[in-house]
Structures are given as C-alpha cells and as structure tokens.
Protein backbone atom coordinates (compact mmCIF):
# COMPACT_ATOMS: atom_id res chain seq x y z
CA GLY A 1 120.64 81.12 -51.37
CA ARG A 2 123.73 79.51 -52.43
CA ARG A 3 122.14 76.18 -53.28
CA GLY A 4 119.47 78.10 -55.50
CA ALA A 5 122.02 80.00 -57.48
CA ARG A 6 124.47 77.24 -57.85
CA ALA A 7 121.56 74.56 -58.87
CA GLY A 8 119.83 77.13 -60.99
CA GLY A 9 122.60 78.76 -63.16
CA GLU A 10 126.04 78.28 -64.87
CA GLY A 11 127.69 80.53 -62.15
CA GLY A 12 131.12 80.25 -63.29
CA ARG A 13 131.26 76.75 -63.35
CA GLU A 14 132.85 76.62 -67.08
CA LYS A 15 136.31 77.50 -65.58
CA ARG A 16 136.31 74.25 -63.96
CA ARG A 17 134.86 72.18 -66.67
CA GLY A 18 137.41 72.06 -69.20
CA GLY A 19 140.35 69.32 -69.17
CA GLY A 20 140.13 65.78 -67.92
CA GLY A 21 139.88 66.57 -64.63
CA GLY A 22 140.08 69.00 -61.89
CA GLY A 23 141.58 67.37 -58.47
CA GLY A 24 140.09 68.17 -55.21
CA GLU A 25 138.08 71.16 -56.22
CA PHE A 26 136.07 69.14 -58.82
CA MET A 27 135.32 66.57 -56.71
CA GLN A 28 134.20 68.76 -53.81
CA GLU A 29 131.89 70.87 -56.32
CA PHE A 30 130.89 67.17 -57.62
CA PHE A 31 129.71 66.03 -54.11
CA GLY A 32 128.39 69.53 -53.28
CA ASP A 33 126.16 69.15 -56.16
CA VAL A 34 125.12 65.52 -55.29
CA GLU A 35 124.34 66.87 -51.91
CA ILE A 36 121.86 69.62 -53.51
CA VAL A 37 120.14 66.92 -55.36
CA LYS A 38 119.71 64.77 -52.49
CA SER A 39 118.44 67.51 -50.30
CA ASN A 40 115.90 68.46 -53.09
CA ILE A 41 114.55 64.62 -53.22
CA VAL A 42 114.02 64.72 -49.41
CA SER A 43 112.16 67.93 -49.78
CA ILE A 44 110.08 66.65 -52.69
CA LYS A 45 109.30 63.39 -50.86
CA ASN A 46 107.97 65.40 -47.64
CA SER A 47 105.83 67.83 -49.84
CA THR A 48 104.33 65.04 -51.62
CA ARG A 49 103.00 63.57 -48.46
CA LYS A 50 101.84 67.07 -47.25
CA ILE A 51 99.93 67.42 -50.66
CA ALA A 52 98.57 63.89 -50.34
CA GLU A 53 97.57 64.99 -46.93
CA ILE A 54 95.86 68.17 -47.86
CA ASN A 55 94.34 66.48 -50.79
CA GLN A 56 92.74 64.07 -48.33
CA ASN A 57 91.72 67.15 -46.11
CA VAL A 58 90.07 68.67 -49.60
CA LEU A 59 88.07 65.63 -49.90
CA GLN A 60 86.87 65.46 -46.28
CA ALA A 61 85.97 68.94 -46.23
CA THR A 62 82.31 69.88 -44.58
CA THR A 63 82.20 73.28 -46.09
CA SER A 64 83.35 75.15 -49.07
CA ASP A 65 85.12 77.68 -47.11
CA ARG A 66 87.44 74.71 -45.46
CA GLU A 67 87.82 73.34 -49.16
CA THR A 68 88.81 76.93 -50.21
CA ASP A 69 91.26 77.13 -47.50
CA PHE A 70 92.64 73.67 -48.22
CA SER A 71 92.92 74.44 -51.62
CA LEU A 72 94.88 78.00 -51.21
CA GLU A 73 97.46 76.06 -48.98
CA LEU A 74 97.99 73.42 -51.73
CA GLU A 75 98.74 75.73 -54.42
CA PRO A 76 102.07 77.24 -53.48
CA LEU A 77 103.19 73.87 -52.14
CA ILE A 78 102.94 72.43 -55.61
CA LYS A 79 104.45 75.28 -57.13
CA ALA A 80 107.39 74.99 -54.73
CA THR A 81 108.00 71.32 -54.89
CA ASN A 82 107.96 71.44 -58.83
CA ARG A 83 110.57 73.97 -58.74
CA LYS A 84 112.72 71.79 -56.73
CA ALA A 85 111.88 68.95 -58.98
CA THR A 86 112.92 71.44 -61.89
CA VAL A 87 116.19 72.39 -60.22
CA ALA A 88 117.04 68.85 -59.39
CA LYS A 89 116.38 67.39 -62.68
CA GLN A 90 118.34 70.03 -64.43
CA LEU A 91 121.47 69.58 -61.75
CA LEU A 92 121.13 65.95 -62.85
CA GLN A 93 121.34 66.40 -66.40
CA ARG A 94 124.37 68.81 -65.79
CA LEU A 95 126.38 66.24 -63.80
CA ARG A 96 125.41 63.55 -66.85
CA ASP A 97 126.83 66.07 -69.20
CA ASP A 98 129.60 66.89 -67.14
CA THR A 99 130.59 63.07 -66.88
CA GLU A 100 130.08 62.49 -70.68
CA ARG A 101 132.35 65.43 -71.60
CA ILE A 102 135.20 64.49 -69.23
CA LYS A 103 135.01 60.80 -70.70
CA ASN A 104 135.13 62.06 -74.25
CA SER A 105 138.34 64.57 -73.24
CA SER A 106 141.01 61.87 -73.28
CA GLN A 107 141.48 57.87 -72.77
CA ALA A 108 143.26 58.70 -69.47
CA ALA A 109 140.01 60.74 -68.36
CA LYS A 110 137.75 57.89 -69.17
CA GLN A 111 139.74 55.58 -66.96
CA SER A 112 140.42 58.26 -63.79
CA PRO A 113 138.87 57.46 -60.30
CA GLU A 114 136.83 60.89 -60.75
CA THR A 115 135.17 59.22 -63.93
CA ARG A 116 133.99 56.06 -62.09
CA ILE A 117 133.16 58.09 -59.08
CA ARG A 118 130.79 60.16 -61.08
CA GLU A 119 129.04 57.13 -62.90
C-alpha cells in the first residue's frame, strides 16, 4: 500500500529535499514518516511476542506433526517481521540523512525550528 511504497523507495522525495526547508509540506511528510516508523515498531513488538509464543508451542509439541505445523506458521511471520524491521531501519536512516543535509545547507537551516524538531 501507500506506506510500503513510501517507506521502501524514494518515490519523488528528491524534489522536496533541496534547500533549507519546505514549510508545512515538509513537516507533514516528516511526521508521516515518523508515524510509519512508529507503526512498524508496534507491529514488530507484536510479532516478536507471537514468535515467542509459537517457539514455546514448538518446544511443547507432543508430536512431530504439531511441531511442523508451528514451524510452518513461524517462517512467514519471521520473514514479514524482518521486512518491517528493514523498512523501519531504512526510513530512520533516510530521516537522519535528510536532517544532516538540511543542517549542512545553511546556518539559518541549522537554527530552524524544523531542524530542532527533526533532531
């Protein structure tokens, strides 16, 4: 969906990166990106709990069929969780890079409220 495309690729962001600021649109995009990261973190925490439950079930499984069932449930959950973690990590790095680029663009940008919020 919209979040995956936005977090996964550049998707036209370059136009708004230049210069020392971008006003409301810039901050709206920044806070939108922050919300994506927060959402992914919540999802990762929930998935981690579910993974722990499934692992416990695997350990307590009384038959190899049940153990296999739990293992099959585990694999896609781990893959999905890893994808979300990767997206969150990439987006956080991009936010850091954008902040540095803004800070280095001019002395006025370094002192701007937008820069202080980003930090």
